[in-house]
C-alpha atoms as a PDB file:
ATOM      1  CA  MET A   1       0.000   0.000   0.000  1.00  0.00           C
ATOM      2  CA  ASP A   2       2.886   2.364   0.824  1.00  0.00           C
ATOM      3  CA  VAL A   3       4.282   1.837  -2.667  1.00  0.00           C
ATOM      4  CA  PHE A   4       0.969   2.717  -4.294  1.00  0.00           C
ATOM      5  CA  GLU A   5       0.591   5.777  -2.084  1.00  0.00           C
ATOM      6  CA  SER A   6       4.056   6.961  -3.092  1.00  0.00           C
ATOM      7  CA  LEU A   7       3.306   6.388  -6.773  1.00  0.00           C
ATOM      8  CA  GLY A   8       0.054   8.303  -6.335  1.00  0.00           C
ATOM      9  CA  LYS A   9       1.981  11.281  -4.983  1.00  0.00           C
ATOM     10  CA  ILE A  10       4.421  11.171  -7.896  1.00  0.00           C
ATOM     11  CA  PHE A  11       2.015  10.460 -10.752  1.00  0.00           C
ATOM     12  CA  ASN A  12      -0.917  12.776 -10.070  1.00  0.00           C
ATOM     13  CA  VAL A  13      -2.731  15.608 -11.832  1.00  0.00           C
ATOM     14  CA  SER A  14      -0.164  18.211 -10.801  1.00  0.00           C
ATOM     15  CA  LEU A  15       2.452  16.287 -12.789  1.00  0.00           C
ATOM     16  CA  ILE A  16       0.730  17.432 -16.000  1.00  0.00           C
ATOM     17  CA  TYR A  17       1.421  21.116 -15.355  1.00  0.00           C
ATOM     18  CA  ALA A  18       4.882  20.343 -13.930  1.00  0.00           C
ATOM     19  CA  THR A  19       5.703  18.515 -17.165  1.00  0.00           C
ATOM     20  CA  PHE A  20       4.481  21.361 -19.355  1.00  0.00           C
ATOM     21  CA  ARG A  21       6.257  23.972 -17.228  1.00  0.00           C
ATOM     22  CA  ALA A  22       9.560  22.110 -17.462  1.00  0.00           C
ATOM     23  CA  SER A  23       9.031  21.538 -21.204  1.00  0.00           C
ATOM     24  CA  THR A  24       8.260  25.133 -22.213  1.00  0.00           C
ATOM     25  CA  PRO A  25      11.865  26.462 -22.324  1.00  0.00           C
ATOM     26  CA  ILE A  26      12.867  23.377 -24.317  1.00  0.00           C
ATOM     27  CA  ILE A  27       9.922  23.848 -26.704  1.00  0.00           C
ATOM     28  CA  TYR A  28      11.033  27.405 -27.457  1.00  0.00           C
ATOM     29  CA  ALA A  29      14.600  26.176 -28.009  1.00  0.00           C
ATOM     30  CA  ALA A  30      13.364  23.361 -30.256  1.00  0.00           C
ATOM     31  CA  LEU A  31      11.273  25.774 -32.345  1.00  0.00           C
ATOM     32  CA  CYS A  32      14.346  27.990 -32.667  1.00  0.00           C
ATOM     33  CA  ALA A  33      16.216  25.020 -34.158  1.00  0.00           C
ATOM     34  CA  ALA A  34      13.213  23.928 -36.263  1.00  0.00           C
ATOM     35  CA  VAL A  35      13.070  27.209 -38.191  1.00  0.00           C
ATOM     36  CA  THR A  36      16.630  26.876 -39.476  1.00  0.00           C
ATOM     37  CA  GLN A  37      16.359  23.115 -39.965  1.00  0.00           C
ATOM     38  CA  GLN A  38      13.572  23.697 -42.472  1.00  0.00           C
ATOM     39  CA  ALA A  39      16.252  25.479 -44.512  1.00  0.00           C
ATOM     40  CA  ASN A  40      18.660  22.578 -43.844  1.00  0.00           C
ATOM     41  CA  ILE A  41      20.748  24.597 -41.364  1.00  0.00           C
ATOM     42  CA  LEU A  42      21.540  22.866 -38.074  1.00  0.00           C
ATOM     43  CA  ASN A  43      21.420  25.544 -35.403  1.00  0.00           C
ATOM     44  CA  VAL A  44      23.821  24.143 -32.814  1.00  0.00           C
ATOM     45  CA  GLY A  45      24.125  27.686 -31.420  1.00  0.00           C
ATOM     46  CA  THR A  46      20.621  27.520 -29.938  1.00  0.00           C
ATOM     47  CA  GLU A  47      22.142  27.087 -26.478  1.00  0.00           C
ATOM     48  CA  GLY A  48      24.239  30.252 -26.806  1.00  0.00           C
ATOM     49  CA  ILE A  49      21.416  32.330 -28.289  1.00  0.00           C
ATOM     50  CA  MET A  50      19.167  31.241 -25.435  1.00  0.00           C
ATOM     51  CA  LEU A  51      21.772  32.100 -22.781  1.00  0.00           C
ATOM     52  CA  VAL A  52      22.384  35.586 -24.192  1.00  0.00           C
ATOM     53  CA  GLY A  53      18.624  36.126 -24.301  1.00  0.00           C
ATOM     54  CA  ALA A  54      18.268  35.035 -20.668  1.00  0.00           C
ATOM     55  CA  PHE A  55      20.901  37.506 -19.453  1.00  0.00           C
ATOM     56  CA  THR A  56      19.642  40.363 -21.617  1.00  0.00           C
ATOM     57  CA  ALA A  57      16.077  39.871 -20.394  1.00  0.00           C
ATOM     58  CA  VAL A  58      17.073  40.024 -16.721  1.00  0.00           C
ATOM     59  CA  ALA A  59      19.402  43.003 -17.208  1.00  0.00           C
ATOM     60  CA  VAL A  60      16.888  45.106 -19.148  1.00  0.00           C
ATOM     61  CA  SER A  61      13.967  44.091 -16.924  1.00  0.00           C
ATOM     62  CA  PHE A  62      15.951  45.131 -13.831  1.00  0.00           C
ATOM     63  CA  LEU A  63      17.245  48.391 -15.299  1.00  0.00           C
ATOM     64  CA  THR A  64      13.931  49.516 -16.833  1.00  0.00           C
ATOM     65  CA  GLY A  65      11.398  47.808 -14.558  1.00  0.00           C
ATOM     66  CA  SER A  66       9.564  46.420 -17.597  1.00  0.00           C
ATOM     67  CA  TRP A  67       9.322  42.741 -18.487  1.00  0.00           C
ATOM     68  CA  ILE A  68       8.096  43.677 -21.969  1.00  0.00           C
ATOM     69  CA  LEU A  69      11.275  45.618 -22.697  1.00  0.00           C
ATOM     70  CA  GLY A  70      13.254  42.739 -21.211  1.00  0.00           C
ATOM     71  CA  VAL A  71      11.655  40.225 -23.563  1.00  0.00           C
ATOM     72  CA  LEU A  72      12.044  42.500 -26.606  1.00  0.00           C
ATOM     73  CA  ALA A  73      15.687  43.166 -25.744  1.00  0.00           C
ATOM     74  CA  ALA A  74      16.298  39.436 -25.336  1.00  0.00           C
ATOM     75  CA  MET A  75      14.827  38.781 -28.770  1.00  0.00           C
ATOM     76  CA  CYS A  76      16.999  41.532 -30.276  1.00  0.00           C
ATOM     77  CA  GLY A  77      20.054  40.061 -28.537  1.00  0.00           C
ATOM     78  CA  GLY A  78      19.234  36.646 -29.957  1.00  0.00           C
ATOM     79  CA  ALA A  79      18.824  38.190 -33.405  1.00  0.00           C
ATOM     80  CA  VAL A  80      22.268  39.829 -33.168  1.00  0.00           C
ATOM     81  CA  ILE A  81      23.932  36.533 -32.261  1.00  0.00           C
ATOM     82  CA  ALA A  82      22.019  34.770 -35.051  1.00  0.00           C
ATOM     83  CA  THR A  83      23.116  37.434 -37.549  1.00  0.00           C
ATOM     84  CA  ILE A  84      26.749  36.720 -36.683  1.00  0.00           C
ATOM     85  CA  MET A  85      26.097  33.039 -37.351  1.00  0.00           C
ATOM     86  CA  ALA A  86      24.315  33.827 -40.622  1.00  0.00           C
ATOM     87  CA  ILE A  87      27.121  36.005 -41.962  1.00  0.00           C
ATOM     88  CA  GLY A  88      29.761  33.448 -41.057  1.00  0.00           C
ATOM     89  CA  HIS A  89      27.833  30.530 -42.565  1.00  0.00           C
ATOM     90  CA  ILE A  90      26.213  32.093 -45.639  1.00  0.00           C
ATOM     91  CA  LYS A  91      28.598  34.867 -46.672  1.00  0.00           C
ATOM     92  CA  TYR A  92      31.881  33.242 -45.693  1.00  0.00           C
ATOM     93  CA  ASN A  93      30.758  29.617 -46.121  1.00  0.00           C
ATOM     94  CA  SER A  94      31.959  28.552 -42.657  1.00  0.00           C
ATOM     95  CA  GLU A  95      30.856  25.274 -41.104  1.00  0.00           C
ATOM     96  CA  ILE A  96      27.633  25.933 -39.190  1.00  0.00           C
ATOM     97  CA  CYS A  97      28.418  23.442 -36.403  1.00  0.00           C
ATOM     98  CA  ALA A  98      31.775  25.098 -35.724  1.00  0.00           C
ATOM     99  CA  ILE A  99      30.122  28.525 -35.638  1.00  0.00           C
ATOM    100  CA  GLY A 100      27.398  27.221 -33.347  1.00  0.00           C
ATOM    101  CA  MET A 101      29.849  25.746 -30.851  1.00  0.00           C
ATOM    102  CA  GLY A 102      31.842  28.985 -30.927  1.00  0.00           C
ATOM    103  CA  ILE A 103      28.661  30.932 -30.194  1.00  0.00           C
ATOM    104  CA  ASN A 104      27.883  28.659 -27.252  1.00  0.00           C
ATOM    105  CA  LEU A 105      31.326  29.190 -25.723  1.00  0.00           C
ATOM    106  CA  PHE A 106      31.151  32.932 -26.392  1.00  0.00           C
ATOM    107  CA  ALA A 107      27.749  33.166 -24.708  1.00  0.00           C
ATOM    108  CA  ILE A 108      29.012  31.494 -21.530  1.00  0.00           C
ATOM    109  CA  ALA A 109      32.021  33.836 -21.389  1.00  0.00           C
ATOM    110  CA  ILE A 110      30.250  37.109 -22.259  1.00  0.00           C
ATOM    111  CA  THR A 111      27.342  36.584 -19.860  1.00  0.00           C
ATOM    112  CA  LYS A 112      29.749  35.734 -17.035  1.00  0.00           C
ATOM    113  CA  PHE A 113      31.809  38.835 -17.818  1.00  0.00           C
ATOM    114  CA  LEU A 114      28.789  41.151 -18.037  1.00  0.00           C
ATOM    115  CA  LEU A 115      27.366  39.719 -14.816  1.00  0.00           C
ATOM    116  CA  GLN A 116      30.515  40.869 -13.027  1.00  0.00           C
ATOM    117  CA  VAL A 117      30.780  44.213 -14.819  1.00  0.00           C
ATOM    118  CA  ILE A 118      27.121  45.321 -14.647  1.00  0.00           C
ATOM    119  CA  PHE A 119      25.950  43.745 -11.394  1.00  0.00           C
ATOM    120  CA  ASN A 120      29.282  43.301  -9.623  1.00  0.00           C
ATOM    121  CA  THR A 121      28.510  39.691  -8.760  1.00  0.00           C
ATOM    122  CA  SER A 122      29.303  36.201  -9.977  1.00  0.00           C
ATOM    123  CA  GLY A 123      27.392  32.948 -10.117  1.00  0.00           C
ATOM    124  CA  SER A 124      23.890  34.370 -10.106  1.00  0.00           C
ATOM    125  CA  PHE A 125      21.883  37.575  -9.887  1.00  0.00           C
ATOM    126  CA  SER A 126      18.420  37.953  -8.382  1.00  0.00           C
ATOM    127  CA  ASP A 127      16.740  41.099  -7.135  1.00  0.00           C
ATOM    128  CA  PRO A 128      13.189  42.228  -6.284  1.00  0.00           C
ATOM    129  CA  GLY A 129      13.654  44.930  -8.929  1.00  0.00           C
ATOM    130  CA  ILE A 130      13.515  42.315 -11.714  1.00  0.00           C
ATOM    131  CA  ASP A 131      10.080  42.556 -13.315  1.00  0.00           C
ATOM    132  CA  PRO A 132       8.966  38.961 -14.121  1.00  0.00           C
ATOM    133  CA  ILE A 133       6.700  37.856 -16.934  1.00  0.00           C
ATOM    134  CA  PRO A 134       3.199  38.032 -15.417  1.00  0.00           C
ATOM    135  CA  THR A 135       0.990  35.025 -14.805  1.00  0.00           C
ATOM    136  CA  VAL A 136      -2.529  34.652 -16.182  1.00  0.00           C
ATOM    137  CA  HIS A 137      -5.261  33.987 -13.620  1.00  0.00           C
ATOM    138  CA  PHE A 138      -8.797  32.904 -14.490  1.00  0.00           C
ATOM    139  CA  ALA A 139     -11.167  33.754 -11.654  1.00  0.00           C
ATOM    140  CA  PHE A 140     -13.921  31.455 -12.969  1.00  0.00           C
ATOM    141  CA  LEU A 141     -11.655  28.415 -12.474  1.00  0.00           C
ATOM    142  CA  GLU A 142     -11.112  29.046  -8.764  1.00  0.00           C
ATOM    143  CA  ASN A 143     -14.101  26.895  -7.792  1.00  0.00           C
ATOM    144  CA  ILE A 144     -13.031  23.979 -10.001  1.00  0.00           C
ATOM    145  CA  PRO A 145     -10.195  22.309  -8.054  1.00  0.00           C
ATOM    146  CA  VAL A 146      -8.652  20.212 -10.854  1.00  0.00           C
ATOM    147  CA  LEU A 147      -8.795  22.882 -13.572  1.00  0.00           C
ATOM    148  CA  ASN A 148      -7.715  25.577 -11.116  1.00  0.00           C
ATOM    149  CA  GLY A 149      -4.524  23.658 -10.386  1.00  0.00           C
ATOM    150  CA  LEU A 150      -3.943  22.787 -14.033  1.00  0.00           C
ATOM    151  CA  LEU A 151      -4.730  25.995 -15.904  1.00  0.00           C
ATOM    152  CA  ASN A 152      -4.413  28.903 -13.487  1.00  0.00           C
ATOM    153  CA  ASP A 153      -1.365  31.090 -12.910  1.00  0.00           C
ATOM    154  CA  TRP A 154       0.567  30.083 -15.995  1.00  0.00           C
ATOM    155  CA  ALA A 155       3.166  32.583 -17.177  1.00  0.00           C
ATOM    156  CA  PHE A 156       2.080  34.544 -20.239  1.00  0.00           C
ATOM    157  CA  THR A 157       4.859  32.935 -22.303  1.00  0.00           C
ATOM    158  CA  GLU A 158       3.642  29.455 -21.312  1.00  0.00           C
ATOM    159  CA  TRP A 159       0.274  30.196 -22.911  1.00  0.00           C
ATOM    160  CA  PHE A 160       1.943  31.884 -25.864  1.00  0.00           C
ATOM    161  CA  VAL A 161       4.090  28.851 -26.736  1.00  0.00           C
ATOM    162  CA  ILE A 162       0.907  26.912 -27.598  1.00  0.00           C
ATOM    163  CA  VAL A 163      -0.208  29.696 -29.940  1.00  0.00           C
ATOM    164  CA  PHE A 164       3.298  29.943 -31.369  1.00  0.00           C
ATOM    165  CA  ILE A 165       3.382  26.240 -32.264  1.00  0.00           C
ATOM    166  CA  ILE A 166       0.152  26.702 -34.239  1.00  0.00           C
ATOM    167  CA  ILE A 167       1.524  29.820 -35.953  1.00  0.00           C
ATOM    168  CA  LEU A 168       4.727  28.082 -37.033  1.00  0.00           C
ATOM    169  CA  GLN A 169       2.806  25.008 -38.168  1.00  0.00           C
ATOM    170  CA  PHE A 170       0.703  27.253 -40.389  1.00  0.00           C
ATOM    171  CA  LEU A 171       3.674  29.245 -41.695  1.00  0.00           C
ATOM    172  CA  PHE A 172       5.701  26.156 -42.577  1.00  0.00           C
ATOM    173  CA  TYR A 173       2.991  24.184 -44.361  1.00  0.00           C
ATOM    174  CA  LYS A 174       0.269  26.611 -45.450  1.00  0.00           C
ATOM    175  CA  THR A 175       2.073  29.693 -46.771  1.00  0.00           C
ATOM    176  CA  VAL A 176       4.174  30.544 -49.811  1.00  0.00           C
ATOM    177  CA  TRP A 177       7.049  31.580 -47.558  1.00  0.00           C
ATOM    178  CA  GLY A 178       6.959  28.198 -45.837  1.00  0.00           C
ATOM    179  CA  LEU A 179       6.976  26.417 -49.179  1.00  0.00           C
ATOM    180  CA  ARG A 180      10.009  28.433 -50.283  1.00  0.00           C
ATOM    181  CA  LEU A 181      11.745  27.776 -46.962  1.00  0.00           C
ATOM    182  CA  ARG A 182      11.270  24.007 -47.297  1.00  0.00           C
ATOM    183  CA  ALA A 183      12.261  24.113 -50.957  1.00  0.00           C
ATOM    184  CA  VAL A 184      15.512  25.861 -50.048  1.00  0.00           C
ATOM    185  CA  GLY A 185      16.166  23.216 -47.414  1.00  0.00           C
ATOM    186  CA  GLN A 186      15.365  20.189 -49.552  1.00  0.00           C
ATOM    187  CA  PHE A 187      16.112  21.267 -53.158  1.00  0.00           C
ATOM    188  CA  PRO A 188      18.267  24.438 -53.115  1.00  0.00           C
ATOM    189  CA  MET A 189      19.313  24.167 -56.771  1.00  0.00           C
ATOM    190  CA  ALA A 190      15.719  23.692 -57.917  1.00  0.00           C
ATOM    191  CA  ALA A 191      14.616  26.596 -55.713  1.00  0.00           C
ATOM    192  CA  GLN A 192      17.272  28.837 -57.227  1.00  0.00           C
ATOM    193  CA  THR A 193      16.244  27.771 -60.723  1.00  0.00           C
ATOM    194  CA  ALA A 194      12.660  28.714 -59.855  1.00  0.00           C
ATOM    195  CA  GLY A 195      13.803  32.243 -59.043  1.00  0.00           C
ATOM    196  CA  ILE A 196      13.939  31.967 -55.245  1.00  0.00           C
ATOM    197  CA  ASN A 197      16.739  33.911 -53.566  1.00  0.00           C
ATOM    198  CA  VAL A 198      18.208  31.027 -51.567  1.00  0.00           C
ATOM    199  CA  ASN A 199      20.572  33.131 -49.460  1.00  0.00           C
ATOM    200  CA  ALA A 200      17.829  35.617 -48.572  1.00  0.00           C
ATOM    201  CA  ILE A 201      15.579  32.800 -47.336  1.00  0.00           C
ATOM    202  CA  LYS A 202      18.443  31.365 -45.266  1.00  0.00           C
ATOM    203  CA  TYR A 203      19.154  34.771 -43.720  1.00  0.00           C
ATOM    204  CA  GLN A 204      15.480  35.118 -42.851  1.00  0.00           C
ATOM    205  CA  ALA A 205      15.382  31.648 -41.260  1.00  0.00           C
ATOM    206  CA  ILE A 206      18.438  32.262 -39.096  1.00  0.00           C
ATOM    207  CA  LEU A 207      17.224  35.725 -38.067  1.00  0.00           C
ATOM    208  CA  ILE A 208      13.783  34.407 -37.060  1.00  0.00           C
ATOM    209  CA  SER A 209      15.516  31.579 -35.246  1.00  0.00           C
ATOM    210  CA  GLY A 210      17.518  34.149 -33.279  1.00  0.00           C
ATOM    211  CA  LEU A 211      14.353  35.985 -32.282  1.00  0.00           C
ATOM    212  CA  VAL A 212      12.765  32.739 -31.081  1.00  0.00           C
ATOM    213  CA  GLY A 213      15.936  31.713 -29.240  1.00  0.00           C
ATOM    214  CA  GLY A 214      16.044  35.083 -27.497  1.00  0.00           C
ATOM    215  CA  LEU A 215      12.422  34.598 -26.454  1.00  0.00           C
ATOM    216  CA  ALA A 216      13.362  31.158 -25.120  1.00  0.00           C
ATOM    217  CA  GLY A 217      16.031  32.729 -22.933  1.00  0.00           C
ATOM    218  CA  ALA A 218      13.677  35.472 -21.752  1.00  0.00           C
ATOM    219  CA  HIS A 219      11.086  32.910 -20.695  1.00  0.00           C
ATOM    220  CA  LEU A 220      13.745  30.921 -18.847  1.00  0.00           C
ATOM    221  CA  SER A 221      14.995  33.884 -16.791  1.00  0.00           C
ATOM    222  CA  LEU A 222      11.793  35.939 -16.404  1.00  0.00           C
ATOM    223  CA  GLY A 223       9.004  33.355 -16.692  1.00  0.00           C
ATOM    224  CA  TYR A 224      10.371  30.004 -15.554  1.00  0.00           C
ATOM    225  CA  SER A 225      12.418  31.784 -12.868  1.00  0.00           C
ATOM    226  CA  THR A 226      13.159  35.404 -11.913  1.00  0.00           C
ATOM    227  CA  GLN A 227      16.925  35.446 -11.913  1.00  0.00           C
ATOM    228  CA  PHE A 228      20.007  34.854 -14.001  1.00  0.00           C
ATOM    229  CA  VAL A 229      22.405  32.042 -13.187  1.00  0.00           C
ATOM    230  CA  GLU A 230      25.624  31.383 -15.072  1.00  0.00           C
ATOM    231  CA  ASN A 231      25.009  28.759 -17.757  1.00  0.00           C
ATOM    232  CA  MET A 232      21.381  28.528 -16.615  1.00  0.00           C
ATOM    233  CA  THR A 233      20.274  27.027 -19.928  1.00  0.00           C
ATOM    234  CA  ASN A 234      21.825  23.792 -18.635  1.00  0.00           C
ATOM    235  CA  ASN A 235      21.863  22.095 -22.063  1.00  0.00           C
ATOM    236  CA  ARG A 236      18.209  22.907 -22.787  1.00  0.00           C
ATOM    237  CA  GLY A 237      19.290  24.195 -26.189  1.00  0.00           C
ATOM    238  CA  PHE A 238      20.834  20.829 -27.068  1.00  0.00           C
ATOM    239  CA  MET A 239      17.740  19.058 -25.773  1.00  0.00           C
ATOM    240  CA  GLY A 240      15.695  21.292 -28.057  1.00  0.00           C
ATOM    241  CA  VAL A 241      17.844  20.286 -31.026  1.00  0.00           C
ATOM    242  CA  ALA A 242      17.341  16.609 -30.115  1.00  0.00           C
ATOM    243  CA  ALA A 243      13.567  17.125 -29.859  1.00  0.00           C
ATOM    244  CA  MET A 244      13.633  18.927 -33.202  1.00  0.00           C
ATOM    245  CA  TYR A 245      15.256  15.860 -34.788  1.00  0.00           C
ATOM    246  CA  PHE A 246      12.655  13.660 -33.109  1.00  0.00           C
ATOM    247  CA  GLY A 247       9.854  15.738 -34.621  1.00  0.00           C
ATOM    248  CA  GLY A 248      11.476  16.140 -38.027  1.00  0.00           C
ATOM    249  CA  ALA A 249      11.396  19.961 -37.595  1.00  0.00           C
ATOM    250  CA  ASN A 250       7.598  19.768 -37.510  1.00  0.00           C
ATOM    251  CA  PRO A 251       6.517  22.199 -34.732  1.00  0.00           C
ATOM    252  CA  ALA A 252       3.738  20.007 -33.315  1.00  0.00           C
ATOM    253  CA  LEU A 253       5.744  16.762 -33.322  1.00  0.00           C
ATOM    254  CA  THR A 254       8.780  18.617 -31.997  1.00  0.00           C
ATOM    255  CA  ALA A 255       6.720  19.852 -29.043  1.00  0.00           C
ATOM    256  CA  VAL A 256       5.766  16.248 -28.264  1.00  0.00           C
ATOM    257  CA  GLY A 257       9.455  15.360 -28.071  1.00  0.00           C
ATOM    258  CA  CYS A 258      10.023  18.280 -25.680  1.00  0.00           C
ATOM    259  CA  LEU A 259       7.248  16.994 -23.412  1.00  0.00           C
ATOM    260  CA  LEU A 260       9.261  13.795 -22.963  1.00  0.00           C
ATOM    261  CA  PHE A 261      12.129  15.843 -21.554  1.00  0.00           C
ATOM    262  CA  GLY A 262       9.784  17.822 -19.327  1.00  0.00           C
ATOM    263  CA  PHE A 263       8.174  14.631 -18.073  1.00  0.00           C
ATOM    264  CA  SER A 264      11.509  13.007 -17.205  1.00  0.00           C
ATOM    265  CA  ASP A 265      12.681  16.176 -15.441  1.00  0.00           C
ATOM    266  CA  SER A 266       9.469  16.488 -13.406  1.00  0.00           C
ATOM    267  CA  VAL A 267       9.361  12.815 -12.443  1.00  0.00           C
ATOM    268  CA  GLY A 268      13.042  12.926 -11.540  1.00  0.00           C
ATOM    269  CA  ALA A 269      12.539  15.873  -9.207  1.00  0.00           C
ATOM    270  CA  ARG A 270       9.749  14.000  -7.414  1.00  0.00           C
ATOM    271  CA  LEU A 271      11.709  10.765  -7.196  1.00  0.00           C
ATOM    272  CA  GLN A 272      14.530  12.607  -5.471  1.00  0.00           C
ATOM    273  CA  ALA A 273      12.168  13.457  -2.617  1.00  0.00           C
ATOM    274  CA  TYR A 274      11.689   9.715  -2.059  1.00  0.00           C
ATOM    275  CA  GLY A 275      15.346   8.914  -1.601  1.00  0.00           C
ATOM    276  CA  PHE A 276      16.456   8.253  -5.173  1.00  0.00           C
ATOM    277  CA  PRO A 277      20.120   9.202  -5.683  1.00  0.00           C
ATOM    278  CA  ALA A 278      20.572  12.756  -6.961  1.00  0.00           C
ATOM    279  CA  GLN A 279      23.001  11.502  -9.624  1.00  0.00           C
ATOM    280  CA  PHE A 280      20.313   9.264 -11.113  1.00  0.00           C
ATOM    281  CA  VAL A 281      17.796  12.103 -11.123  1.00  0.00           C
ATOM    282  CA  LEU A 282      20.221  14.510 -12.824  1.00  0.00           C
ATOM    283  CA  MET A 283      21.051  11.839 -15.392  1.00  0.00           C
ATOM    284  CA  MET A 284      17.449  11.246 -16.496  1.00  0.00           C
ATOM    285  CA  PRO A 285      17.053  14.146 -18.995  1.00  0.00           C
ATOM    286  CA  TYR A 286      20.298  13.160 -20.717  1.00  0.00           C
ATOM    287  CA  LEU A 287      19.253   9.519 -20.952  1.00  0.00           C
ATOM    288  CA  VAL A 288      16.003  10.685 -22.534  1.00  0.00           C
ATOM    289  CA  THR A 289      18.029  12.838 -24.958  1.00  0.00           C
ATOM    290  CA  ILE A 290      20.007   9.784 -26.097  1.00  0.00           C
ATOM    291  CA  VAL A 291      16.860   7.687 -26.444  1.00  0.00           C
ATOM    292  CA  VAL A 292      15.040  10.404 -28.406  1.00  0.00           C
ATOM    293  CA  LEU A 293      17.974  10.855 -30.794  1.00  0.00           C
ATOM    294  CA  ALA A 294      18.353   7.091 -31.247  1.00  0.00           C
ATOM    295  CA  VAL A 295      14.642   6.634 -31.990  1.00  0.00           C
ATOM    296  CA  SER A 296      14.491   9.579 -34.381  1.00  0.00           C
ATOM    297  CA  MET A 297      17.578   8.420 -36.294  1.00  0.00           C
ATOM    298  CA  ALA A 298      16.218   4.866 -36.471  1.00  0.00           C
ATOM    299  CA  ILE A 299      12.944   6.165 -37.891  1.00  0.00           C
ATOM    300  CA  LYS A 300      14.817   8.307 -40.408  1.00  0.00           C
ATOM    301  CA  VAL A 301      17.008   5.385 -41.548  1.00  0.00           C
ATOM    302  CA  ALA A 302      13.963   3.105 -41.861  1.00  0.00           C
ATOM    303  CA  ALA A 303      12.101   5.717 -43.905  1.00  0.00           C
ATOM    304  CA  SER A 304      15.130   6.206 -46.157  1.00  0.00           C
ATOM    305  CA  LYS A 305      15.467   2.473 -46.793  1.00  0.00           C
ATOM    306  CA  LYS A 306      11.751   2.168 -47.529  1.00  0.00           C
ATOM    307  CA  LYS A 307      12.002   5.028 -50.027  1.00  0.00           C
ATOM    308  CA  GLU A 308      15.006   3.428 -51.744  1.00  0.00           C
ATOM    309  CA  SER A 309      13.275   0.036 -52.008  1.00  0.00           C
ATOM    310  CA  SER A 310      10.131   1.634 -53.451  1.00  0.00           C
ATOM    311  CA  LEU A 311      12.229   3.416 -56.079  1.00  0.00           C
ATOM    312  CA  ILE A 312      13.993   0.184 -57.011  1.00  0.00           C
ATOM    313  CA  THR A 313      10.789  -1.872 -57.231  1.00  0.00           C
ATOM    314  CA  GLY A 314       8.861   0.937 -58.912  1.00  0.00           C
END
């Protein structure tokens, strides 16, 4: 009976919101990577863009007292970092993975440096003057216990990510721009022959990706928490890239992959309260990352072989 009671405390209704809350920063990061992947550009720098966005959001929110300005500044900061990546990759034909890893290392160093210079501290910065992203409260749900716990007091950016998934899904698969973006990613020579400016589309994809990555960082530091901690992204950008591979850069399927990470993180945090070793709990998201990548690559290989066999037999 004690075992069932413990399981009931771990796997209950509140786990649903805990899973979504833990998944939201990863969803934003995954959507950041999905935009460029549609143009066949692997955005390994998602982690760095997200970290710069997180610091910028906290700094501007603290200095101006406005979370809106903090979020906008974070998105602009992400766009600046993405522009550097775009110029290096498109104009100078540099390897995108090398640029992305350089961006990640630069982001760790510059945010640590600015934390010391601007706030005269190291490690972390939190202050009551930081204006957080507000939560949304529905008064009519207060008398409905289950829905009140599930749907009330979400951060604005947690609601927005659902809308954003729908928007990107529509843009990718129902608009001319989305068709051109996918054409550039899959058949660049054919797209160029059809009169599409391939480089312009790639610049647009990377720039939009930077804006989304900056928003991911802003949510992490102003919505998920109200502080900045050195390297606070904690590999969420890489998890987002893994989830993007799992979903084939499809926004809806990518979000499902992110929920797996959020679920493992939430369950792990609860297991730790019942005496599970902290090392095992910390390891869970990374084990899920490996599993997700392995499954997605296996599916991709199987689909490729099926396509080849159909071409041979046809």
